[in-house]
Amino acid sequence: MTRVTDRRALTCTAVLLSAAMSHAARAQSAAPTTRAESLFAQGKQALEANDFAHACPLLQESYGIDPALGTLLALAVCHEGVGRTATAWREFRTAADGAAREGRTDRERFAQAHITKLEAHLSKLTVAVSSDSPPGLVVEVDGTALPVDQWGTEQVIDPGHHVIAAHAPRRQPWSGAADIGPEHDAQTVTVGALVPDASDAVASPPPASDVTQAPAPDASTPGTWKRPAGWIVGGAGLAAVGVGAVFGVMAITKSSDAKSKCSQSSCTDSAAVSENQDAKTSATIADVAIGAGLVAVAVGAWFLFTAPPASSATSALPITPFVGREQAGIALIRAW
C-alpha cells in the first residue's frame, strides 16, 4: 500500500508541475512569431525589388522560425531567381502538397506552374558506389550524408561546384568534385576505393583490462525506485521555482510601471491597463510555478530520505533543465 501511495504522489506531482511549466512556456511563445513576420516582410520587400541576395536569407530565417506556406512559396521564388533550380523545385513541391492539404487551389496552381517550368531545366547528379564498399561507408554531397537508397540513382541538384566525399572506419577518406551546368546537365561521379588506414595496420591490440566491473545495483530491492524518482522530482521542482521567480520579478516590474502612469483613484492610460493585466498574469504563473515547485522539492526530498542506502557502484544522475517554445522540464540521462 505504501508503494502505491508513493507512486500516486509522484504522478500527481509530475502532472501539476508539467501544467504549470507549460503555461509559463506558452506565455513566451509569441515573440518568435513576431520576428518571423518581421523577417518575412523584409524579405518580401527585397524580393519584389529583385534583390535576391538579401531576400533569400531573410525568408529562409523566417521559415525556420515559422514554417508558413506563404513564406515557403516566397522562398522558392527567391531560390529560382538566384538559379538554385533544384532547391526551388523541391520547395515548390512541398508547397504544392501543403496547399492541397489546406484547400488553397490558387497556391497549388501557382506552385505546380513553377514545378513544370523548372523540370525542363533541372540538372542531375549520380553518385556511383562500388558493390564491395567497406562496412560503415558514409557518402556525403556538400557535407550532407547521401542516403544509401540514393546511391547510384540520379538526384536533382543545383548548378555549380559540388564536393563529394566518402569515409569509413579504418579507411582513409576519399573526395571528388563535380561542376554542374545550369541547363539539364547530367553527370556521374564514382566513389573511389578507400584504402586501409596505415596507422590501423600497425596498431597493436589493446591490453586486456584487469579492472573488474562493479556489480549493478540489485533492482529487486524494495524502494530502489525512490532514489532516481527523488532526483527527478526534486530537480523539476527547483526548475519550476526558478521559472516562478522569473515571472514574479516580471509581475512586480510591470505592476510598478503601470502604477507610475496612473493616479490612485482612476486610470485611463490603455498601455498602463495592459501592463497591469500582464502583471496579474505573470503573478498567477509565478504563484502556480513556485507552489508546484515547492511541492515537488518536498516530495523529491521525501523520496530520497526514505530510499534504501545507495550502492557504491551507483553513479550520480545527470539532470539538465530545458525550456522550449511549448514546454519546459528536465532531462535525465542514465543507463538502468
C-alpha atoms as a PDB file:
ATOM      1  CA  MET A   1       0.000   0.000   0.000  1.00  0.00           C
ATOM      2  CA  THR A   2       2.848   2.407   0.807  1.00  0.00           C
ATOM      3  CA  ARG A   3       4.491   1.859  -2.606  1.00  0.00           C
ATOM      4  CA  VAL A   4       1.139   2.515  -4.401  1.00  0.00           C
ATOM      5  CA  THR A   5       0.611   5.698  -2.390  1.00  0.00           C
ATOM      6  CA  ASP A   6       4.171   6.865  -3.166  1.00  0.00           C
ATOM      7  CA  ARG A   7       3.706   6.269  -6.898  1.00  0.00           C
ATOM      8  CA  ARG A   8       0.384   8.157  -6.880  1.00  0.00           C
ATOM      9  CA  ALA A   9       2.065  11.093  -5.159  1.00  0.00           C
ATOM     10  CA  LEU A  10       4.829  11.081  -7.794  1.00  0.00           C
ATOM     11  CA  THR A  11       2.279  11.019 -10.648  1.00  0.00           C
ATOM     12  CA  CYS A  12       0.145  13.847  -9.213  1.00  0.00           C
ATOM     13  CA  THR A  13       3.202  15.996  -8.601  1.00  0.00           C
ATOM     14  CA  ALA A  14       4.508  15.441 -12.134  1.00  0.00           C
ATOM     15  CA  VAL A  15       1.130  16.373 -13.695  1.00  0.00           C
ATOM     16  CA  LEU A  16       0.813  19.543 -11.610  1.00  0.00           C
ATOM     17  CA  LEU A  17       4.390  20.563 -12.357  1.00  0.00           C
ATOM     18  CA  SER A  18       4.044  19.907 -16.106  1.00  0.00           C
ATOM     19  CA  ALA A  19       0.879  22.036 -16.319  1.00  0.00           C
ATOM     20  CA  ALA A  20       2.485  24.948 -14.505  1.00  0.00           C
ATOM     21  CA  MET A  21       5.655  24.960 -16.603  1.00  0.00           C
ATOM     22  CA  SER A  22       3.789  24.508 -19.925  1.00  0.00           C
ATOM     23  CA  HIS A  23       1.644  27.553 -19.048  1.00  0.00           C
ATOM     24  CA  ALA A  24       4.794  29.547 -18.378  1.00  0.00           C
ATOM     25  CA  ALA A  25       6.408  28.462 -21.652  1.00  0.00           C
ATOM     26  CA  ARG A  26       3.346  29.366 -23.766  1.00  0.00           C
ATOM     27  CA  ALA A  27       3.351  32.881 -22.337  1.00  0.00           C
ATOM     28  CA  GLN A  28       6.712  33.484 -24.035  1.00  0.00           C
ATOM     29  CA  SER A  29       5.919  31.866 -27.431  1.00  0.00           C
ATOM     30  CA  ALA A  30       4.594  34.992 -29.183  1.00  0.00           C
ATOM     31  CA  ALA A  31       7.993  36.667 -29.668  1.00  0.00           C
ATOM     32  CA  PRO A  32       9.398  34.195 -32.270  1.00  0.00           C
ATOM     33  CA  THR A  33       6.243  34.528 -34.400  1.00  0.00           C
ATOM     34  CA  THR A  34       6.556  38.302 -34.388  1.00  0.00           C
ATOM     35  CA  ARG A  35      10.188  38.049 -35.502  1.00  0.00           C
ATOM     36  CA  ALA A  36       9.231  35.619 -38.275  1.00  0.00           C
ATOM     37  CA  GLU A  37       6.637  38.098 -39.589  1.00  0.00           C
ATOM     38  CA  SER A  38       9.173  40.935 -39.495  1.00  0.00           C
ATOM     39  CA  LEU A  39      11.754  38.876 -41.399  1.00  0.00           C
ATOM     40  CA  PHE A  40       9.132  37.848 -43.959  1.00  0.00           C
ATOM     41  CA  ALA A  41       8.105  41.465 -44.551  1.00  0.00           C
ATOM     42  CA  GLN A  42      11.739  42.492 -45.115  1.00  0.00           C
ATOM     43  CA  GLY A  43      12.394  39.504 -47.357  1.00  0.00           C
ATOM     44  CA  LYS A  44       9.255  40.093 -49.420  1.00  0.00           C
ATOM     45  CA  GLN A  45      10.203  43.741 -49.936  1.00  0.00           C
ATOM     46  CA  ALA A  46      13.682  42.726 -51.155  1.00  0.00           C
ATOM     47  CA  LEU A  47      12.159  40.005 -53.354  1.00  0.00           C
ATOM     48  CA  GLU A  48       9.815  42.490 -55.036  1.00  0.00           C
ATOM     49  CA  ALA A  49      12.877  44.620 -55.807  1.00  0.00           C
ATOM     50  CA  ASN A  50      14.628  41.542 -57.302  1.00  0.00           C
ATOM     51  CA  ASP A  51      17.257  41.800 -54.567  1.00  0.00           C
ATOM     52  CA  PHE A  52      17.567  38.040 -54.238  1.00  0.00           C
ATOM     53  CA  ALA A  53      20.880  38.165 -52.370  1.00  0.00           C
ATOM     54  CA  HIS A  54      19.180  39.857 -49.409  1.00  0.00           C
ATOM     55  CA  ALA A  55      15.711  38.349 -49.799  1.00  0.00           C
ATOM     56  CA  CYS A  56      16.646  34.645 -49.667  1.00  0.00           C
ATOM     57  CA  PRO A  57      18.464  34.668 -46.268  1.00  0.00           C
ATOM     58  CA  LEU A  58      15.651  36.713 -44.680  1.00  0.00           C
ATOM     59  CA  LEU A  59      12.943  34.396 -45.989  1.00  0.00           C
ATOM     60  CA  GLN A  60      14.988  31.307 -45.024  1.00  0.00           C
ATOM     61  CA  GLU A  61      15.342  32.539 -41.447  1.00  0.00           C
ATOM     62  CA  SER A  62      11.642  33.440 -41.253  1.00  0.00           C
ATOM     63  CA  TYR A  63      10.624  29.985 -42.497  1.00  0.00           C
ATOM     64  CA  GLY A  64      12.956  28.349 -39.980  1.00  0.00           C
ATOM     65  CA  ILE A  65      11.129  30.156 -37.153  1.00  0.00           C
ATOM     66  CA  ASP A  66       7.589  29.783 -38.504  1.00  0.00           C
ATOM     67  CA  PRO A  67       7.191  27.351 -41.452  1.00  0.00           C
ATOM     68  CA  ALA A  68       4.250  29.133 -43.082  1.00  0.00           C
ATOM     69  CA  LEU A  69       3.093  28.126 -46.564  1.00  0.00           C
ATOM     70  CA  GLY A  70       3.294  31.682 -47.931  1.00  0.00           C
ATOM     71  CA  THR A  71       6.858  32.034 -46.692  1.00  0.00           C
ATOM     72  CA  LEU A  72       7.846  28.759 -48.378  1.00  0.00           C
ATOM     73  CA  LEU A  73       6.397  29.909 -51.709  1.00  0.00           C
ATOM     74  CA  ALA A  74       8.264  33.211 -51.493  1.00  0.00           C
ATOM     75  CA  LEU A  75      11.479  31.376 -50.610  1.00  0.00           C
ATOM     76  CA  ALA A  76      11.056  29.048 -53.598  1.00  0.00           C
ATOM     77  CA  VAL A  77      10.575  32.034 -55.927  1.00  0.00           C
ATOM     78  CA  CYS A  78      13.735  33.594 -54.476  1.00  0.00           C
ATOM     79  CA  HIS A  79      15.818  30.437 -54.949  1.00  0.00           C
ATOM     80  CA  GLU A  80      14.541  30.172 -58.515  1.00  0.00           C
ATOM     81  CA  GLY A  81      15.660  33.755 -59.064  1.00  0.00           C
ATOM     82  CA  VAL A  82      19.243  33.018 -57.977  1.00  0.00           C
ATOM     83  CA  GLY A  83      19.451  29.891 -60.126  1.00  0.00           C
ATOM     84  CA  ARG A  84      19.117  27.261 -57.390  1.00  0.00           C
ATOM     85  CA  THR A  85      16.719  25.318 -59.553  1.00  0.00           C
ATOM     86  CA  ALA A  86      16.757  22.000 -57.659  1.00  0.00           C
ATOM     87  CA  THR A  87      16.222  23.688 -54.287  1.00  0.00           C
ATOM     88  CA  ALA A  88      13.367  25.784 -55.699  1.00  0.00           C
ATOM     89  CA  TRP A  89      11.817  22.690 -57.333  1.00  0.00           C
ATOM     90  CA  ARG A  90      11.789  20.795 -54.020  1.00  0.00           C
ATOM     91  CA  GLU A  91      10.316  23.770 -52.177  1.00  0.00           C
ATOM     92  CA  PHE A  92       7.551  24.256 -54.772  1.00  0.00           C
ATOM     93  CA  ARG A  93       6.668  20.555 -54.487  1.00  0.00           C
ATOM     94  CA  THR A  94       6.444  20.824 -50.698  1.00  0.00           C
ATOM     95  CA  ALA A  95       4.356  23.982 -51.024  1.00  0.00           C
ATOM     96  CA  ALA A  96       2.017  22.335 -53.573  1.00  0.00           C
ATOM     97  CA  ASP A  97       1.392  19.430 -51.189  1.00  0.00           C
ATOM     98  CA  GLY A  98       0.742  21.838 -48.312  1.00  0.00           C
ATOM     99  CA  ALA A  99      -1.632  23.962 -50.400  1.00  0.00           C
ATOM    100  CA  ALA A 100      -3.564  20.843 -51.451  1.00  0.00           C
ATOM    101  CA  ARG A 101      -3.995  19.823 -47.805  1.00  0.00           C
ATOM    102  CA  GLU A 102      -5.202  23.329 -46.894  1.00  0.00           C
ATOM    103  CA  GLY A 103      -7.542  23.549 -49.888  1.00  0.00           C
ATOM    104  CA  ARG A 104      -5.676  26.567 -51.328  1.00  0.00           C
ATOM    105  CA  THR A 105      -6.134  25.789 -55.019  1.00  0.00           C
ATOM    106  CA  ASP A 106      -4.706  29.163 -56.081  1.00  0.00           C
ATOM    107  CA  ARG A 107      -1.407  28.494 -54.323  1.00  0.00           C
ATOM    108  CA  GLU A 108      -1.376  24.889 -55.522  1.00  0.00           C
ATOM    109  CA  ARG A 109      -1.763  26.017 -59.167  1.00  0.00           C
ATOM    110  CA  PHE A 110       0.958  28.638 -58.683  1.00  0.00           C
ATOM    111  CA  ALA A 111       3.382  26.047 -57.296  1.00  0.00           C
ATOM    112  CA  GLN A 112       2.546  23.456 -59.972  1.00  0.00           C
ATOM    113  CA  ALA A 113       3.182  26.002 -62.744  1.00  0.00           C
ATOM    114  CA  HIS A 114       6.669  26.672 -61.396  1.00  0.00           C
ATOM    115  CA  ILE A 115       7.340  22.938 -60.945  1.00  0.00           C
ATOM    116  CA  THR A 116       6.527  22.303 -64.600  1.00  0.00           C
ATOM    117  CA  LYS A 117       8.688  25.205 -65.708  1.00  0.00           C
ATOM    118  CA  LEU A 118      11.686  24.113 -63.611  1.00  0.00           C
ATOM    119  CA  GLU A 119      11.553  20.432 -64.586  1.00  0.00           C
ATOM    120  CA  ALA A 120      12.619  21.311 -68.130  1.00  0.00           C
ATOM    121  CA  HIS A 121      15.878  22.797 -66.817  1.00  0.00           C
ATOM    122  CA  LEU A 122      16.829  20.578 -63.850  1.00  0.00           C
ATOM    123  CA  SER A 123      20.361  19.196 -63.701  1.00  0.00           C
ATOM    124  CA  LYS A 124      21.112  15.834 -62.109  1.00  0.00           C
ATOM    125  CA  LEU A 125      23.995  14.069 -60.376  1.00  0.00           C
ATOM    126  CA  THR A 126      24.554  10.332 -59.894  1.00  0.00           C
ATOM    127  CA  VAL A 127      26.952   9.154 -57.183  1.00  0.00           C
ATOM    128  CA  ALA A 128      28.055   5.592 -58.016  1.00  0.00           C
ATOM    129  CA  VAL A 129      29.345   3.361 -55.205  1.00  0.00           C
ATOM    130  CA  SER A 130      31.097   0.018 -55.661  1.00  0.00           C
ATOM    131  CA  SER A 131      29.239  -3.086 -54.513  1.00  0.00           C
ATOM    132  CA  ASP A 132      32.247  -4.171 -52.411  1.00  0.00           C
ATOM    133  CA  SER A 133      32.372  -0.934 -50.427  1.00  0.00           C
ATOM    134  CA  PRO A 134      33.729  -1.263 -46.854  1.00  0.00           C
ATOM    135  CA  PRO A 135      31.351  -1.625 -43.884  1.00  0.00           C
ATOM    136  CA  GLY A 136      30.179   1.640 -42.355  1.00  0.00           C
ATOM    137  CA  LEU A 137      30.713   3.641 -45.552  1.00  0.00           C
ATOM    138  CA  VAL A 138      29.229   7.142 -45.481  1.00  0.00           C
ATOM    139  CA  VAL A 139      28.900   9.177 -48.684  1.00  0.00           C
ATOM    140  CA  GLU A 140      28.353  12.931 -48.470  1.00  0.00           C
ATOM    141  CA  VAL A 141      27.443  15.597 -51.024  1.00  0.00           C
ATOM    142  CA  ASP A 142      28.461  19.095 -49.885  1.00  0.00           C
ATOM    143  CA  GLY A 143      28.747  17.842 -46.309  1.00  0.00           C
ATOM    144  CA  THR A 144      25.292  16.221 -46.183  1.00  0.00           C
ATOM    145  CA  ALA A 145      25.041  12.423 -45.982  1.00  0.00           C
ATOM    146  CA  LEU A 146      23.551  10.811 -49.077  1.00  0.00           C
ATOM    147  CA  PRO A 147      21.062   8.057 -48.095  1.00  0.00           C
ATOM    148  CA  VAL A 148      22.062   4.558 -49.177  1.00  0.00           C
ATOM    149  CA  ASP A 149      18.903   4.173 -51.294  1.00  0.00           C
ATOM    150  CA  GLN A 150      20.047   7.151 -53.390  1.00  0.00           C
ATOM    151  CA  TRP A 151      23.452   5.668 -54.249  1.00  0.00           C
ATOM    152  CA  GLY A 152      23.678   5.011 -57.970  1.00  0.00           C
ATOM    153  CA  THR A 153      20.458   6.890 -58.803  1.00  0.00           C
ATOM    154  CA  GLU A 154      20.000  10.289 -60.443  1.00  0.00           C
ATOM    155  CA  GLN A 155      19.268  13.119 -57.994  1.00  0.00           C
ATOM    156  CA  VAL A 156      18.330  16.673 -58.926  1.00  0.00           C
ATOM    157  CA  ILE A 157      20.991  19.139 -57.835  1.00  0.00           C
ATOM    158  CA  ASP A 158      21.623  22.881 -58.003  1.00  0.00           C
ATOM    159  CA  PRO A 159      24.038  24.113 -60.675  1.00  0.00           C
ATOM    160  CA  GLY A 160      27.563  24.921 -59.510  1.00  0.00           C
ATOM    161  CA  HIS A 161      30.540  23.285 -57.805  1.00  0.00           C
ATOM    162  CA  HIS A 162      29.828  20.322 -55.532  1.00  0.00           C
ATOM    163  CA  VAL A 163      32.142  18.233 -53.349  1.00  0.00           C
ATOM    164  CA  ILE A 164      31.539  14.503 -52.949  1.00  0.00           C
ATOM    165  CA  ALA A 165      33.266  12.771 -50.030  1.00  0.00           C
ATOM    166  CA  ALA A 166      33.313   9.271 -48.564  1.00  0.00           C
ATOM    167  CA  HIS A 167      34.688   7.844 -45.328  1.00  0.00           C
ATOM    168  CA  ALA A 168      34.530   4.573 -43.423  1.00  0.00           C
ATOM    169  CA  PRO A 169      36.034   3.173 -40.212  1.00  0.00           C
ATOM    170  CA  ARG A 170      39.733   2.249 -40.527  1.00  0.00           C
ATOM    171  CA  ARG A 171      39.896   3.631 -44.078  1.00  0.00           C
ATOM    172  CA  GLN A 172      41.455   6.765 -45.484  1.00  0.00           C
ATOM    173  CA  PRO A 173      38.803   9.264 -46.629  1.00  0.00           C
ATOM    174  CA  TRP A 174      38.132   9.912 -50.318  1.00  0.00           C
ATOM    175  CA  SER A 175      36.872  13.079 -52.008  1.00  0.00           C
ATOM    176  CA  GLY A 176      35.924  14.229 -55.506  1.00  0.00           C
ATOM    177  CA  ALA A 177      34.097  17.101 -57.165  1.00  0.00           C
ATOM    178  CA  ALA A 178      31.624  17.906 -59.920  1.00  0.00           C
ATOM    179  CA  ASP A 179      30.821  21.185 -61.674  1.00  0.00           C
ATOM    180  CA  ILE A 180      27.142  21.022 -62.640  1.00  0.00           C
ATOM    181  CA  GLY A 181      25.852  23.095 -65.538  1.00  0.00           C
ATOM    182  CA  PRO A 182      22.693  25.243 -65.267  1.00  0.00           C
ATOM    183  CA  GLU A 183      20.674  23.671 -68.102  1.00  0.00           C
ATOM    184  CA  HIS A 184      19.647  19.998 -67.995  1.00  0.00           C
ATOM    185  CA  ASP A 185      23.160  18.772 -67.179  1.00  0.00           C
ATOM    186  CA  ALA A 186      23.699  15.166 -66.067  1.00  0.00           C
ATOM    187  CA  GLN A 187      26.918  13.903 -64.515  1.00  0.00           C
ATOM    188  CA  THR A 188      28.133  10.787 -62.707  1.00  0.00           C
ATOM    189  CA  VAL A 189      30.799  10.660 -60.000  1.00  0.00           C
ATOM    190  CA  THR A 190      32.164   7.271 -58.952  1.00  0.00           C
ATOM    191  CA  VAL A 191      33.428   6.952 -55.396  1.00  0.00           C
ATOM    192  CA  GLY A 192      36.975   5.650 -55.490  1.00  0.00           C
ATOM    193  CA  ALA A 193      38.431   2.851 -53.396  1.00  0.00           C
ATOM    194  CA  LEU A 194      39.048   3.697 -49.748  1.00  0.00           C
ATOM    195  CA  VAL A 195      42.455   2.258 -48.883  1.00  0.00           C
ATOM    196  CA  PRO A 196      43.071   0.852 -45.379  1.00  0.00           C
ATOM    197  CA  ASP A 197      44.434   3.305 -42.854  1.00  0.00           C
ATOM    198  CA  ALA A 198      48.192   2.724 -42.485  1.00  0.00           C
ATOM    199  CA  SER A 199      48.187   3.571 -38.787  1.00  0.00           C
ATOM    200  CA  ASP A 200      45.484   0.973 -38.178  1.00  0.00           C
ATOM    201  CA  ALA A 201      47.533  -1.757 -39.896  1.00  0.00           C
ATOM    202  CA  VAL A 202      50.438  -1.437 -37.439  1.00  0.00           C
ATOM    203  CA  ALA A 203      48.449  -0.704 -34.340  1.00  0.00           C
ATOM    204  CA  SER A 204      48.954  -3.218 -31.543  1.00  0.00           C
ATOM    205  CA  PRO A 205      45.936  -4.778 -29.874  1.00  0.00           C
ATOM    206  CA  PRO A 206      44.864  -3.114 -26.648  1.00  0.00           C
ATOM    207  CA  PRO A 207      45.967  -4.857 -23.441  1.00  0.00           C
ATOM    208  CA  ALA A 208      43.441  -6.893 -21.550  1.00  0.00           C
ATOM    209  CA  SER A 209      41.777  -4.976 -18.781  1.00  0.00           C
ATOM    210  CA  ASP A 210      42.417  -6.035 -15.182  1.00  0.00           C
ATOM    211  CA  VAL A 211      39.547  -3.938 -13.869  1.00  0.00           C
ATOM    212  CA  THR A 212      36.626  -5.928 -12.565  1.00  0.00           C
ATOM    213  CA  GLN A 213      33.325  -4.266 -13.339  1.00  0.00           C
ATOM    214  CA  ALA A 214      31.366  -3.402 -10.256  1.00  0.00           C
ATOM    215  CA  PRO A 215      28.091  -5.298  -9.912  1.00  0.00           C
ATOM    216  CA  ALA A 216      24.968  -3.416 -10.863  1.00  0.00           C
ATOM    217  CA  PRO A 217      22.614  -2.395  -8.063  1.00  0.00           C
ATOM    218  CA  ASP A 218      20.035  -5.034  -7.215  1.00  0.00           C
ATOM    219  CA  ALA A 219      16.855  -3.772  -8.860  1.00  0.00           C
ATOM    220  CA  SER A 220      14.785  -6.235  -6.790  1.00  0.00           C
ATOM    221  CA  THR A 221      15.482  -4.357  -3.528  1.00  0.00           C
ATOM    222  CA  PRO A 222      12.235  -2.706  -2.369  1.00  0.00           C
ATOM    223  CA  GLY A 223      12.201   1.050  -2.766  1.00  0.00           C
ATOM    224  CA  THR A 224      15.155   1.323  -5.138  1.00  0.00           C
ATOM    225  CA  TRP A 225      12.986   3.398  -7.484  1.00  0.00           C
ATOM    226  CA  LYS A 226      12.680   6.162  -4.870  1.00  0.00           C
ATOM    227  CA  ARG A 227      16.214   7.486  -5.285  1.00  0.00           C
ATOM    228  CA  PRO A 228      16.013   8.259  -9.053  1.00  0.00           C
ATOM    229  CA  ALA A 229      12.435   9.439  -8.584  1.00  0.00           C
ATOM    230  CA  GLY A 230      13.567  11.794  -5.845  1.00  0.00           C
ATOM    231  CA  TRP A 231      16.264  13.349  -8.037  1.00  0.00           C
ATOM    232  CA  ILE A 232      13.834  13.730 -10.947  1.00  0.00           C
ATOM    233  CA  VAL A 233      11.003  15.295  -8.950  1.00  0.00           C
ATOM    234  CA  GLY A 234      13.313  17.450  -6.830  1.00  0.00           C
ATOM    235  CA  GLY A 235      15.234  18.713  -9.866  1.00  0.00           C
ATOM    236  CA  ALA A 236      11.998  19.527 -11.659  1.00  0.00           C
ATOM    237  CA  GLY A 237      10.782  21.354  -8.578  1.00  0.00           C
ATOM    238  CA  LEU A 238      13.891  23.535  -8.477  1.00  0.00           C
ATOM    239  CA  ALA A 239      13.421  24.331 -12.169  1.00  0.00           C
ATOM    240  CA  ALA A 240       9.789  25.307 -11.534  1.00  0.00           C
ATOM    241  CA  VAL A 241      10.770  27.560  -8.627  1.00  0.00           C
ATOM    242  CA  GLY A 242      13.285  29.271 -10.923  1.00  0.00           C
ATOM    243  CA  VAL A 243      10.610  29.839 -13.575  1.00  0.00           C
ATOM    244  CA  GLY A 244       8.219  31.169 -10.946  1.00  0.00           C
ATOM    245  CA  ALA A 245      10.852  33.555  -9.610  1.00  0.00           C
ATOM    246  CA  VAL A 246      11.409  34.997 -13.088  1.00  0.00           C
ATOM    247  CA  PHE A 247       7.695  35.607 -13.595  1.00  0.00           C
ATOM    248  CA  GLY A 248       7.435  37.054 -10.101  1.00  0.00           C
ATOM    249  CA  VAL A 249      10.066  39.684 -10.896  1.00  0.00           C
ATOM    250  CA  MET A 250       8.261  40.411 -14.186  1.00  0.00           C
ATOM    251  CA  ALA A 251       4.957  40.882 -12.321  1.00  0.00           C
ATOM    252  CA  ILE A 252       6.480  43.318  -9.831  1.00  0.00           C
ATOM    253  CA  THR A 253       8.191  45.316 -12.586  1.00  0.00           C
ATOM    254  CA  LYS A 254       5.068  45.565 -14.779  1.00  0.00           C
ATOM    255  CA  SER A 255       2.828  46.480 -11.837  1.00  0.00           C
ATOM    256  CA  SER A 256       5.225  49.246 -10.791  1.00  0.00           C
ATOM    257  CA  ASP A 257       5.345  50.621 -14.351  1.00  0.00           C
ATOM    258  CA  ALA A 258       1.537  50.611 -14.580  1.00  0.00           C
ATOM    259  CA  LYS A 259       1.097  52.408 -11.251  1.00  0.00           C
ATOM    260  CA  SER A 260       3.565  55.106 -12.286  1.00  0.00           C
ATOM    261  CA  LYS A 261       1.326  56.034 -15.238  1.00  0.00           C
ATOM    262  CA  CYS A 262      -1.952  56.300 -13.288  1.00  0.00           C
ATOM    263  CA  SER A 263      -3.362  58.091 -10.287  1.00  0.00           C
ATOM    264  CA  GLN A 264      -4.588  56.214  -7.220  1.00  0.00           C
ATOM    265  CA  SER A 265      -8.252  56.870  -7.969  1.00  0.00           C
ATOM    266  CA  SER A 266      -8.518  56.020 -11.686  1.00  0.00           C
ATOM    267  CA  CYS A 267      -6.520  55.094 -14.792  1.00  0.00           C
ATOM    268  CA  THR A 268      -7.336  55.988 -18.403  1.00  0.00           C
ATOM    269  CA  ASP A 269      -3.990  55.038 -19.935  1.00  0.00           C
ATOM    270  CA  SER A 270      -4.632  51.931 -22.074  1.00  0.00           C
ATOM    271  CA  ALA A 271      -0.965  50.986 -22.005  1.00  0.00           C
ATOM    272  CA  ALA A 272      -0.938  51.085 -18.211  1.00  0.00           C
ATOM    273  CA  VAL A 273      -4.095  48.977 -18.035  1.00  0.00           C
ATOM    274  CA  SER A 274      -2.494  46.428 -20.374  1.00  0.00           C
ATOM    275  CA  GLU A 275       0.690  46.362 -18.304  1.00  0.00           C
ATOM    276  CA  ASN A 276      -1.346  45.858 -15.138  1.00  0.00           C
ATOM    277  CA  GLN A 277      -3.163  42.911 -16.737  1.00  0.00           C
ATOM    278  CA  ASP A 278       0.180  41.419 -17.843  1.00  0.00           C
ATOM    279  CA  ALA A 279       1.448  41.838 -14.290  1.00  0.00           C
ATOM    280  CA  LYS A 280      -1.536  39.877 -12.943  1.00  0.00           C
ATOM    281  CA  THR A 281      -0.936  37.093 -15.478  1.00  0.00           C
ATOM    282  CA  SER A 282       2.763  36.904 -14.597  1.00  0.00           C
ATOM    283  CA  ALA A 283       1.888  36.858 -10.889  1.00  0.00           C
ATOM    284  CA  THR A 284      -0.521  33.954 -11.413  1.00  0.00           C
ATOM    285  CA  ILE A 285       2.084  31.978 -13.327  1.00  0.00           C
ATOM    286  CA  ALA A 286       4.664  32.723 -10.618  1.00  0.00           C
ATOM    287  CA  ASP A 287       2.302  31.546  -7.845  1.00  0.00           C
ATOM    288  CA  VAL A 288       1.459  28.301  -9.641  1.00  0.00           C
ATOM    289  CA  ALA A 289       5.052  27.518 -10.680  1.00  0.00           C
ATOM    290  CA  ILE A 290       6.567  28.289  -7.269  1.00  0.00           C
ATOM    291  CA  GLY A 291       3.806  26.403  -5.452  1.00  0.00           C
ATOM    292  CA  ALA A 292       4.156  23.346  -7.663  1.00  0.00           C
ATOM    293  CA  GLY A 293       7.928  23.572  -7.462  1.00  0.00           C
ATOM    294  CA  LEU A 294       7.963  23.633  -3.646  1.00  0.00           C
ATOM    295  CA  VAL A 295       5.629  20.650  -3.546  1.00  0.00           C
ATOM    296  CA  ALA A 296       7.883  18.783  -5.973  1.00  0.00           C
ATOM    297  CA  VAL A 297      11.011  19.607  -3.951  1.00  0.00           C
ATOM    298  CA  ALA A 298       9.321  18.349  -0.797  1.00  0.00           C
ATOM    299  CA  VAL A 299       8.146  15.125  -2.459  1.00  0.00           C
ATOM    300  CA  GLY A 300      11.590  14.582  -4.016  1.00  0.00           C
ATOM    301  CA  ALA A 301      13.288  15.082  -0.647  1.00  0.00           C
ATOM    302  CA  TRP A 302      10.895  12.594   0.963  1.00  0.00           C
ATOM    303  CA  PHE A 303      11.697  10.009  -1.735  1.00  0.00           C
ATOM    304  CA  LEU A 304      15.439  10.474  -1.123  1.00  0.00           C
ATOM    305  CA  PHE A 305      15.155  10.253   2.665  1.00  0.00           C
ATOM    306  CA  THR A 306      13.013   7.096   2.548  1.00  0.00           C
ATOM    307  CA  ALA A 307      15.043   5.353  -0.206  1.00  0.00           C
ATOM    308  CA  PRO A 308      17.306   2.418   0.746  1.00  0.00           C
ATOM    309  CA  PRO A 309      21.076   3.184   1.001  1.00  0.00           C
ATOM    310  CA  ALA A 310      22.723   3.674  -2.397  1.00  0.00           C
ATOM    311  CA  SER A 311      25.278   1.099  -3.592  1.00  0.00           C
ATOM    312  CA  SER A 312      28.853   2.268  -4.016  1.00  0.00           C
ATOM    313  CA  ALA A 313      28.557   1.326  -7.692  1.00  0.00           C
ATOM    314  CA  THR A 314      25.669   3.720  -8.235  1.00  0.00           C
ATOM    315  CA  SER A 315      26.768   6.883 -10.038  1.00  0.00           C
ATOM    316  CA  ALA A 316      25.227  10.328  -9.814  1.00  0.00           C
ATOM    317  CA  LEU A 317      22.255  11.141 -12.016  1.00  0.00           C
ATOM    318  CA  PRO A 318      22.953  13.936 -14.530  1.00  0.00           C
ATOM    319  CA  ILE A 319      19.869  16.165 -14.639  1.00  0.00           C
ATOM    320  CA  THR A 320      19.595  19.029 -17.143  1.00  0.00           C
ATOM    321  CA  PRO A 321      16.697  21.545 -17.130  1.00  0.00           C
ATOM    322  CA  PHE A 322      15.316  22.571 -20.539  1.00  0.00           C
ATOM    323  CA  VAL A 323      12.831  25.188 -21.783  1.00  0.00           C
ATOM    324  CA  GLY A 324      11.261  25.053 -25.276  1.00  0.00           C
ATOM    325  CA  ARG A 325       8.689  27.096 -27.195  1.00  0.00           C
ATOM    326  CA  GLU A 326       5.784  25.000 -25.946  1.00  0.00           C
ATOM    327  CA  GLN A 327       7.144  23.081 -22.990  1.00  0.00           C
ATOM    328  CA  ALA A 328       9.704  23.030 -20.198  1.00  0.00           C
ATOM    329  CA  GLY A 329      11.114  20.390 -17.891  1.00  0.00           C
ATOM    330  CA  ILE A 330      14.258  18.414 -17.119  1.00  0.00           C
ATOM    331  CA  ALA A 331      16.259  15.729 -18.918  1.00  0.00           C
ATOM    332  CA  LEU A 332      17.577  12.687 -17.032  1.00  0.00           C
ATOM    333  CA  ILE A 333      20.378  10.636 -18.661  1.00  0.00           C
ATOM    334  CA  ARG A 334      21.107   7.272 -17.034  1.00  0.00           C
ATOM    335  CA  ALA A 335      21.681   3.655 -18.113  1.00  0.00           C
ATOM    336  CA  TRP A 336      19.486   1.326 -15.995  1.00  0.00           C
END
